[in-house]
């Protein structure tokens, strides 16, 4: 009986300590937006991101984005802005055989991985990759049927300008979906990102404070709505969940 009481007291004290530390960590979170610098020009950082991209939670995000995007558009020309190692572009091509997908990214390291992954997937005839900047999407006016972007919005130095670019390259009736974290995510997800950043990810990512840095640089749903409201995009809506937000719709 005495040992049981001691164990209960120990567990109670341990739980209290954990909750206190969690409260301290969460209470010190950044409320204001802090611009993130991922450092993808560093090969070690790029390689670490490539490894992270294969994790189940990242696959779940790609499934979510691809499912929502394809519900709006199943054929034509699509572009993935900030495609990274190409996983979402390949997911789109696999899920919608009538889509021709082009991944666009600034990082040579990411594009090399993307092209390798496309060859392994046997989809190189329907997927291409270009080096390019979302602020100057390398497509003519009204030439695309679908534009998607995942976890890139918080890196755009001129978000309104990029949203204007999306409006420029889309045909009337074209669809768009921009997915990102939300800075005001609920406490359990913030604490999970803090733990992953400090205790789980490779050292190269800890050095650039990722993935927590992406949360700090993200927008709230209200901020996202303000941004897109200043752009030339039409037919848009902002949706969100406990961790994420989207800017999505069909161009009028």
C-alpha atoms as a PDB file:
ATOM      1  CA  UNK A   1       0.000   0.000   0.000  1.00  0.00           C
ATOM      2  CA  UNK A   2       2.844   2.303   0.863  1.00  0.00           C
ATOM      3  CA  UNK A   3       4.606   1.541  -2.443  1.00  0.00           C
ATOM      4  CA  UNK A   4       1.378   2.225  -4.358  1.00  0.00           C
ATOM      5  CA  UNK A   5       1.021   5.574  -2.650  1.00  0.00           C
ATOM      6  CA  UNK A   6       4.612   6.452  -3.455  1.00  0.00           C
ATOM      7  CA  UNK A   7       4.128   5.531  -7.108  1.00  0.00           C
ATOM      8  CA  UNK A   8       0.982   7.637  -7.325  1.00  0.00           C
ATOM      9  CA  UNK A   9       2.777  10.568  -5.707  1.00  0.00           C
ATOM     10  CA  UNK A  10       5.727  10.167  -8.077  1.00  0.00           C
ATOM     11  CA  UNK A  11       3.512   9.998 -11.160  1.00  0.00           C
ATOM     12  CA  UNK A  12       1.513  12.975  -9.948  1.00  0.00           C
ATOM     13  CA  UNK A  13       4.674  14.995  -9.454  1.00  0.00           C
ATOM     14  CA  UNK A  14       6.056  13.945 -12.839  1.00  0.00           C
ATOM     15  CA  UNK A  15       2.806  14.873 -14.579  1.00  0.00           C
ATOM     16  CA  UNK A  16       2.764  18.259 -12.860  1.00  0.00           C
ATOM     17  CA  UNK A  17       6.353  18.914 -13.904  1.00  0.00           C
ATOM     18  CA  UNK A  18       5.645  17.980 -17.529  1.00  0.00           C
ATOM     19  CA  UNK A  19       2.554  20.178 -17.631  1.00  0.00           C
ATOM     20  CA  UNK A  20       4.476  23.076 -16.109  1.00  0.00           C
ATOM     21  CA  UNK A  21       7.274  22.773 -18.690  1.00  0.00           C
ATOM     22  CA  UNK A  22       4.706  22.487 -21.511  1.00  0.00           C
ATOM     23  CA  UNK A  23       2.929  25.599 -20.245  1.00  0.00           C
ATOM     24  CA  UNK A  24       6.218  27.533 -20.073  1.00  0.00           C
ATOM     25  CA  UNK A  25       7.162  26.481 -23.614  1.00  0.00           C
ATOM     26  CA  UNK A  26       3.743  27.347 -25.036  1.00  0.00           C
ATOM     27  CA  UNK A  27       3.516  30.661 -23.192  1.00  0.00           C
ATOM     28  CA  UNK A  28       6.829  31.743 -24.770  1.00  0.00           C
ATOM     29  CA  UNK A  29       5.697  31.040 -28.349  1.00  0.00           C
ATOM     30  CA  UNK A  30       6.007  33.861 -30.844  1.00  0.00           C
ATOM     31  CA  UNK A  31       2.686  35.629 -31.346  1.00  0.00           C
ATOM     32  CA  UNK A  32       4.036  37.853 -34.104  1.00  0.00           C
ATOM     33  CA  UNK A  33       5.154  36.531 -37.448  1.00  0.00           C
ATOM     34  CA  UNK A  34       8.905  35.853 -37.718  1.00  0.00           C
ATOM     35  CA  UNK A  35      10.322  35.366 -41.227  1.00  0.00           C
ATOM     36  CA  UNK A  36      11.918  31.956 -41.677  1.00  0.00           C
ATOM     37  CA  UNK A  37      15.115  31.136 -43.587  1.00  0.00           C
ATOM     38  CA  UNK A  38      15.233  27.413 -44.334  1.00  0.00           C
ATOM     39  CA  UNK A  39      18.662  27.481 -45.945  1.00  0.00           C
ATOM     40  CA  UNK A  40      17.827  25.020 -48.739  1.00  0.00           C
ATOM     41  CA  UNK A  41      20.978  26.088 -50.578  1.00  0.00           C
ATOM     42  CA  UNK A  42      22.829  24.132 -47.871  1.00  0.00           C
ATOM     43  CA  UNK A  43      23.124  20.503 -49.125  1.00  0.00           C
ATOM     44  CA  UNK A  44      22.837  19.140 -45.572  1.00  0.00           C
ATOM     45  CA  UNK A  45      19.602  21.054 -44.968  1.00  0.00           C
ATOM     46  CA  UNK A  46      18.178  20.001 -48.346  1.00  0.00           C
ATOM     47  CA  UNK A  47      19.051  16.369 -47.664  1.00  0.00           C
ATOM     48  CA  UNK A  48      17.416  16.548 -44.236  1.00  0.00           C
ATOM     49  CA  UNK A  49      14.239  17.994 -45.766  1.00  0.00           C
ATOM     50  CA  UNK A  50      14.234  15.193 -48.327  1.00  0.00           C
ATOM     51  CA  UNK A  51      14.296  12.646 -45.510  1.00  0.00           C
ATOM     52  CA  UNK A  52      11.523  14.456 -43.644  1.00  0.00           C
ATOM     53  CA  UNK A  53       9.397  14.472 -46.796  1.00  0.00           C
ATOM     54  CA  UNK A  54       9.147  10.680 -46.659  1.00  0.00           C
ATOM     55  CA  UNK A  55       7.585  10.622 -43.169  1.00  0.00           C
ATOM     56  CA  UNK A  56       3.964   9.422 -42.816  1.00  0.00           C
ATOM     57  CA  UNK A  57       2.675  12.792 -41.613  1.00  0.00           C
ATOM     58  CA  UNK A  58       4.044  14.474 -44.738  1.00  0.00           C
ATOM     59  CA  UNK A  59       2.423  11.784 -46.885  1.00  0.00           C
ATOM     60  CA  UNK A  60      -0.852  12.551 -45.112  1.00  0.00           C
ATOM     61  CA  UNK A  61      -0.540  16.245 -46.013  1.00  0.00           C
ATOM     62  CA  UNK A  62       0.110  15.346 -49.666  1.00  0.00           C
ATOM     63  CA  UNK A  63      -2.912  13.039 -49.707  1.00  0.00           C
ATOM     64  CA  UNK A  64      -5.057  15.825 -48.239  1.00  0.00           C
ATOM     65  CA  UNK A  65      -3.863  18.443 -50.742  1.00  0.00           C
ATOM     66  CA  UNK A  66      -4.046  16.139 -53.764  1.00  0.00           C
ATOM     67  CA  UNK A  67      -7.545  14.989 -52.842  1.00  0.00           C
ATOM     68  CA  UNK A  68      -8.850  18.551 -52.488  1.00  0.00           C
ATOM     69  CA  UNK A  69      -7.074  19.803 -55.612  1.00  0.00           C
ATOM     70  CA  UNK A  70      -8.262  16.965 -57.825  1.00  0.00           C
ATOM     71  CA  UNK A  71     -11.816  17.422 -56.593  1.00  0.00           C
ATOM     72  CA  UNK A  72     -11.618  20.815 -58.327  1.00  0.00           C
ATOM     73  CA  UNK A  73      -9.609  19.861 -61.444  1.00  0.00           C
ATOM     74  CA  UNK A  74      -8.769  16.444 -62.891  1.00  0.00           C
ATOM     75  CA  UNK A  75      -7.249  17.303 -66.278  1.00  0.00           C
ATOM     76  CA  UNK A  76      -5.093  19.810 -68.076  1.00  0.00           C
ATOM     77  CA  UNK A  77      -1.862  21.565 -67.106  1.00  0.00           C
ATOM     78  CA  UNK A  78      -0.916  21.821 -63.422  1.00  0.00           C
ATOM     79  CA  UNK A  79       1.957  23.471 -61.558  1.00  0.00           C
ATOM     80  CA  UNK A  80       3.260  22.801 -58.055  1.00  0.00           C
ATOM     81  CA  UNK A  81       4.991  25.909 -56.676  1.00  0.00           C
ATOM     82  CA  UNK A  82       7.835  25.130 -54.294  1.00  0.00           C
ATOM     83  CA  UNK A  83       7.682  21.472 -55.246  1.00  0.00           C
ATOM     84  CA  UNK A  84      10.680  20.393 -53.151  1.00  0.00           C
ATOM     85  CA  UNK A  85      11.611  16.754 -53.877  1.00  0.00           C
ATOM     86  CA  UNK A  86       8.523  16.299 -56.056  1.00  0.00           C
ATOM     87  CA  UNK A  87       6.339  14.083 -53.892  1.00  0.00           C
ATOM     88  CA  UNK A  88       3.151  16.137 -54.300  1.00  0.00           C
ATOM     89  CA  UNK A  89       3.633  16.521 -58.069  1.00  0.00           C
ATOM     90  CA  UNK A  90       3.919  12.757 -58.353  1.00  0.00           C
ATOM     91  CA  UNK A  91       0.898  12.224 -56.103  1.00  0.00           C
ATOM     92  CA  UNK A  92      -1.160  14.505 -58.351  1.00  0.00           C
ATOM     93  CA  UNK A  93      -0.034  12.695 -61.506  1.00  0.00           C
ATOM     94  CA  UNK A  94      -0.810   9.315 -59.961  1.00  0.00           C
ATOM     95  CA  UNK A  95      -4.273  10.379 -58.800  1.00  0.00           C
ATOM     96  CA  UNK A  96      -5.271  12.206 -62.008  1.00  0.00           C
ATOM     97  CA  UNK A  97      -3.937  10.520 -65.171  1.00  0.00           C
ATOM     98  CA  UNK A  98      -5.165  13.396 -67.364  1.00  0.00           C
ATOM     99  CA  UNK A  99      -3.031  16.000 -65.562  1.00  0.00           C
ATOM    100  CA  UNK A 100       0.331  17.116 -66.887  1.00  0.00           C
ATOM    101  CA  UNK A 101       2.241  18.371 -63.838  1.00  0.00           C
ATOM    102  CA  UNK A 102       5.228  20.733 -63.636  1.00  0.00           C
ATOM    103  CA  UNK A 103       7.065  21.180 -60.354  1.00  0.00           C
ATOM    104  CA  UNK A 104       8.759  24.539 -59.789  1.00  0.00           C
ATOM    105  CA  UNK A 105      11.417  25.170 -57.166  1.00  0.00           C
ATOM    106  CA  UNK A 106      14.385  27.456 -56.575  1.00  0.00           C
ATOM    107  CA  UNK A 107      16.643  24.753 -55.151  1.00  0.00           C
ATOM    108  CA  UNK A 108      18.861  22.730 -57.499  1.00  0.00           C
ATOM    109  CA  UNK A 109      19.246  20.120 -54.770  1.00  0.00           C
ATOM    110  CA  UNK A 110      15.480  19.658 -54.525  1.00  0.00           C
ATOM    111  CA  UNK A 111      14.997  19.470 -58.300  1.00  0.00           C
ATOM    112  CA  UNK A 112      17.655  16.785 -58.669  1.00  0.00           C
ATOM    113  CA  UNK A 113      15.833  14.690 -56.075  1.00  0.00           C
ATOM    114  CA  UNK A 114      12.477  15.392 -57.720  1.00  0.00           C
ATOM    115  CA  UNK A 115      13.642  14.239 -61.144  1.00  0.00           C
ATOM    116  CA  UNK A 116      15.133  11.090 -59.631  1.00  0.00           C
ATOM    117  CA  UNK A 117      11.914  10.329 -57.791  1.00  0.00           C
ATOM    118  CA  UNK A 118       9.815  10.892 -60.947  1.00  0.00           C
ATOM    119  CA  UNK A 119      11.963   8.419 -62.885  1.00  0.00           C
ATOM    120  CA  UNK A 120      11.597   5.827 -60.138  1.00  0.00           C
ATOM    121  CA  UNK A 121       7.832   6.343 -60.207  1.00  0.00           C
ATOM    122  CA  UNK A 122       7.657   5.805 -63.967  1.00  0.00           C
ATOM    123  CA  UNK A 123       5.838   9.112 -64.482  1.00  0.00           C
ATOM    124  CA  UNK A 124       8.517  11.169 -66.201  1.00  0.00           C
ATOM    125  CA  UNK A 125       6.318  11.401 -69.337  1.00  0.00           C
ATOM    126  CA  UNK A 126       3.667  13.374 -67.397  1.00  0.00           C
ATOM    127  CA  UNK A 127       5.863  15.292 -64.948  1.00  0.00           C
ATOM    128  CA  UNK A 128       8.459  17.970 -65.585  1.00  0.00           C
ATOM    129  CA  UNK A 129      10.492  20.140 -63.230  1.00  0.00           C
ATOM    130  CA  UNK A 130      11.700  23.700 -63.708  1.00  0.00           C
ATOM    131  CA  UNK A 131      13.887  25.964 -61.663  1.00  0.00           C
ATOM    132  CA  UNK A 132      11.873  29.073 -60.997  1.00  0.00           C
ATOM    133  CA  UNK A 133      10.534  31.572 -58.539  1.00  0.00           C
ATOM    134  CA  UNK A 134       6.894  31.664 -57.461  1.00  0.00           C
ATOM    135  CA  UNK A 135       7.094  35.442 -57.768  1.00  0.00           C
ATOM    136  CA  UNK A 136       7.626  34.974 -61.540  1.00  0.00           C
ATOM    137  CA  UNK A 137       5.926  31.702 -62.418  1.00  0.00           C
ATOM    138  CA  UNK A 138       7.589  30.490 -65.654  1.00  0.00           C
ATOM    139  CA  UNK A 139       4.346  30.065 -67.630  1.00  0.00           C
ATOM    140  CA  UNK A 140       2.467  32.356 -70.043  1.00  0.00           C
ATOM    141  CA  UNK A 141      -0.753  34.118 -69.134  1.00  0.00           C
ATOM    142  CA  UNK A 142      -3.859  31.907 -68.863  1.00  0.00           C
ATOM    143  CA  UNK A 143      -1.937  28.697 -69.568  1.00  0.00           C
ATOM    144  CA  UNK A 144      -2.613  26.536 -66.497  1.00  0.00           C
ATOM    145  CA  UNK A 145      -5.658  24.695 -65.226  1.00  0.00           C
ATOM    146  CA  UNK A 146      -4.454  24.023 -61.684  1.00  0.00           C
ATOM    147  CA  UNK A 147      -1.874  25.618 -59.367  1.00  0.00           C
ATOM    148  CA  UNK A 148      -1.007  24.099 -56.004  1.00  0.00           C
ATOM    149  CA  UNK A 149       1.526  24.969 -53.337  1.00  0.00           C
ATOM    150  CA  UNK A 150       2.274  23.215 -50.074  1.00  0.00           C
ATOM    151  CA  UNK A 151       4.139  24.693 -47.106  1.00  0.00           C
ATOM    152  CA  UNK A 152       5.591  27.534 -49.203  1.00  0.00           C
ATOM    153  CA  UNK A 153       3.275  30.474 -48.487  1.00  0.00           C
ATOM    154  CA  UNK A 154       5.206  31.486 -45.360  1.00  0.00           C
ATOM    155  CA  UNK A 155       8.433  31.750 -47.399  1.00  0.00           C
ATOM    156  CA  UNK A 156       7.090  34.117 -50.047  1.00  0.00           C
ATOM    157  CA  UNK A 157       8.596  37.561 -49.560  1.00  0.00           C
ATOM    158  CA  UNK A 158       5.671  39.108 -51.457  1.00  0.00           C
ATOM    159  CA  UNK A 159       2.640  36.843 -50.913  1.00  0.00           C
ATOM    160  CA  UNK A 160       0.212  39.180 -52.669  1.00  0.00           C
ATOM    161  CA  UNK A 161       2.512  39.295 -55.678  1.00  0.00           C
ATOM    162  CA  UNK A 162       2.635  35.489 -55.849  1.00  0.00           C
ATOM    163  CA  UNK A 163      -1.148  35.268 -55.564  1.00  0.00           C
ATOM    164  CA  UNK A 164      -1.342  37.773 -58.433  1.00  0.00           C
ATOM    165  CA  UNK A 165       0.989  35.510 -60.414  1.00  0.00           C
ATOM    166  CA  UNK A 166      -1.287  32.531 -59.754  1.00  0.00           C
ATOM    167  CA  UNK A 167      -4.208  34.587 -61.079  1.00  0.00           C
ATOM    168  CA  UNK A 168      -2.147  35.531 -64.155  1.00  0.00           C
ATOM    169  CA  UNK A 169      -1.167  31.993 -65.188  1.00  0.00           C
ATOM    170  CA  UNK A 170      -4.567  30.382 -64.558  1.00  0.00           C
ATOM    171  CA  UNK A 171      -7.162  30.055 -67.265  1.00  0.00           C
ATOM    172  CA  UNK A 172     -10.680  31.251 -66.400  1.00  0.00           C
ATOM    173  CA  UNK A 173     -12.224  28.370 -64.487  1.00  0.00           C
ATOM    174  CA  UNK A 174      -8.770  27.201 -63.361  1.00  0.00           C
ATOM    175  CA  UNK A 175      -8.341  26.017 -59.781  1.00  0.00           C
ATOM    176  CA  UNK A 176      -5.829  26.870 -57.074  1.00  0.00           C
ATOM    177  CA  UNK A 177      -4.959  25.484 -53.648  1.00  0.00           C
ATOM    178  CA  UNK A 178      -2.309  26.957 -51.369  1.00  0.00           C
ATOM    179  CA  UNK A 179      -1.758  24.881 -48.218  1.00  0.00           C
ATOM    180  CA  UNK A 180       0.302  25.963 -45.211  1.00  0.00           C
ATOM    181  CA  UNK A 181       0.599  25.789 -41.460  1.00  0.00           C
ATOM    182  CA  UNK A 182      -1.316  28.331 -39.388  1.00  0.00           C
ATOM    183  CA  UNK A 183       0.651  30.314 -36.822  1.00  0.00           C
ATOM    184  CA  UNK A 184      -2.208  30.214 -34.310  1.00  0.00           C
ATOM    185  CA  UNK A 185      -2.366  26.407 -34.283  1.00  0.00           C
ATOM    186  CA  UNK A 186      -3.719  24.819 -31.124  1.00  0.00           C
ATOM    187  CA  UNK A 187      -1.357  24.152 -28.208  1.00  0.00           C
ATOM    188  CA  UNK A 188      -0.830  20.368 -28.651  1.00  0.00           C
ATOM    189  CA  UNK A 189       0.378  20.837 -32.242  1.00  0.00           C
ATOM    190  CA  UNK A 190       2.650  23.733 -31.291  1.00  0.00           C
ATOM    191  CA  UNK A 191       4.206  21.638 -28.519  1.00  0.00           C
ATOM    192  CA  UNK A 192       4.643  18.731 -30.929  1.00  0.00           C
ATOM    193  CA  UNK A 193       6.493  20.947 -33.405  1.00  0.00           C
ATOM    194  CA  UNK A 194       8.655  22.331 -30.587  1.00  0.00           C
ATOM    195  CA  UNK A 195       9.533  18.800 -29.464  1.00  0.00           C
ATOM    196  CA  UNK A 196      10.249  17.603 -33.001  1.00  0.00           C
ATOM    197  CA  UNK A 197      12.460  20.629 -33.716  1.00  0.00           C
ATOM    198  CA  UNK A 198      14.505  20.276 -30.537  1.00  0.00           C
ATOM    199  CA  UNK A 199      14.591  16.514 -30.086  1.00  0.00           C
ATOM    200  CA  UNK A 200      13.795  14.603 -33.284  1.00  0.00           C
ATOM    201  CA  UNK A 201      14.898  16.196 -36.555  1.00  0.00           C
ATOM    202  CA  UNK A 202      18.463  15.949 -37.960  1.00  0.00           C
ATOM    203  CA  UNK A 203      21.006  18.442 -36.673  1.00  0.00           C
ATOM    204  CA  UNK A 204      20.941  20.381 -39.961  1.00  0.00           C
ATOM    205  CA  UNK A 205      17.258  21.209 -39.431  1.00  0.00           C
ATOM    206  CA  UNK A 206      17.751  22.106 -35.777  1.00  0.00           C
ATOM    207  CA  UNK A 207      20.388  24.563 -36.943  1.00  0.00           C
ATOM    208  CA  UNK A 208      17.759  26.442 -38.997  1.00  0.00           C
ATOM    209  CA  UNK A 209      15.017  25.959 -36.353  1.00  0.00           C
ATOM    210  CA  UNK A 210      12.797  23.760 -38.524  1.00  0.00           C
ATOM    211  CA  UNK A 211       9.990  22.824 -38.545  1.00  0.00           C
ATOM    212  CA  UNK A 212       9.193  25.284 -35.733  1.00  0.00           C
ATOM    213  CA  UNK A 213      10.544  28.167 -37.803  1.00  0.00           C
ATOM    214  CA  UNK A 214       7.917  27.471 -40.446  1.00  0.00           C
ATOM    215  CA  UNK A 215       5.197  27.797 -37.824  1.00  0.00           C
ATOM    216  CA  UNK A 216       6.659  31.096 -36.621  1.00  0.00           C
ATOM    217  CA  UNK A 217       6.662  32.422 -40.204  1.00  0.00           C
ATOM    218  CA  UNK A 218       3.153  31.192 -41.032  1.00  0.00           C
ATOM    219  CA  UNK A 219       0.016  33.309 -41.249  1.00  0.00           C
ATOM    220  CA  UNK A 220      -3.242  33.086 -39.327  1.00  0.00           C
ATOM    221  CA  UNK A 221      -6.442  32.416 -41.323  1.00  0.00           C
ATOM    222  CA  UNK A 222      -7.439  36.054 -40.852  1.00  0.00           C
ATOM    223  CA  UNK A 223      -4.067  37.261 -42.167  1.00  0.00           C
ATOM    224  CA  UNK A 224      -4.301  34.869 -45.117  1.00  0.00           C
ATOM    225  CA  UNK A 225      -7.747  36.213 -45.998  1.00  0.00           C
ATOM    226  CA  UNK A 226      -6.405  39.783 -45.836  1.00  0.00           C
ATOM    227  CA  UNK A 227      -3.554  38.857 -48.205  1.00  0.00           C
ATOM    228  CA  UNK A 228      -5.702  37.173 -50.824  1.00  0.00           C
ATOM    229  CA  UNK A 229      -8.251  39.974 -50.557  1.00  0.00           C
ATOM    230  CA  UNK A 230      -5.540  42.349 -51.815  1.00  0.00           C
ATOM    231  CA  UNK A 231      -4.694  40.135 -54.782  1.00  0.00           C
ATOM    232  CA  UNK A 232      -6.257  39.603 -58.210  1.00  0.00           C
ATOM    233  CA  UNK A 233      -7.438  36.104 -57.333  1.00  0.00           C
ATOM    234  CA  UNK A 234     -11.177  35.636 -57.519  1.00  0.00           C
ATOM    235  CA  UNK A 235     -13.472  32.859 -56.375  1.00  0.00           C
ATOM    236  CA  UNK A 236     -11.332  32.190 -53.317  1.00  0.00           C
ATOM    237  CA  UNK A 237     -12.031  31.022 -49.804  1.00  0.00           C
ATOM    238  CA  UNK A 238      -9.828  30.412 -46.766  1.00  0.00           C
ATOM    239  CA  UNK A 239     -10.367  27.126 -44.944  1.00  0.00           C
ATOM    240  CA  UNK A 240      -8.554  25.905 -41.866  1.00  0.00           C
ATOM    241  CA  UNK A 241      -8.154  23.177 -39.284  1.00  0.00           C
ATOM    242  CA  UNK A 242      -6.324  22.956 -35.941  1.00  0.00           C
ATOM    243  CA  UNK A 243      -2.895  22.915 -37.630  1.00  0.00           C
ATOM    244  CA  UNK A 244      -3.361  24.135 -41.201  1.00  0.00           C
ATOM    245  CA  UNK A 245      -5.009  26.624 -43.517  1.00  0.00           C
ATOM    246  CA  UNK A 246      -5.703  26.780 -47.248  1.00  0.00           C
ATOM    247  CA  UNK A 247      -6.374  29.475 -49.807  1.00  0.00           C
ATOM    248  CA  UNK A 248      -8.353  27.685 -52.484  1.00  0.00           C
ATOM    249  CA  UNK A 249     -10.960  28.188 -55.161  1.00  0.00           C
ATOM    250  CA  UNK A 250     -11.830  28.447 -58.838  1.00  0.00           C
ATOM    251  CA  UNK A 251     -10.860  31.554 -60.810  1.00  0.00           C
ATOM    252  CA  UNK A 252     -13.857  33.412 -62.193  1.00  0.00           C
END
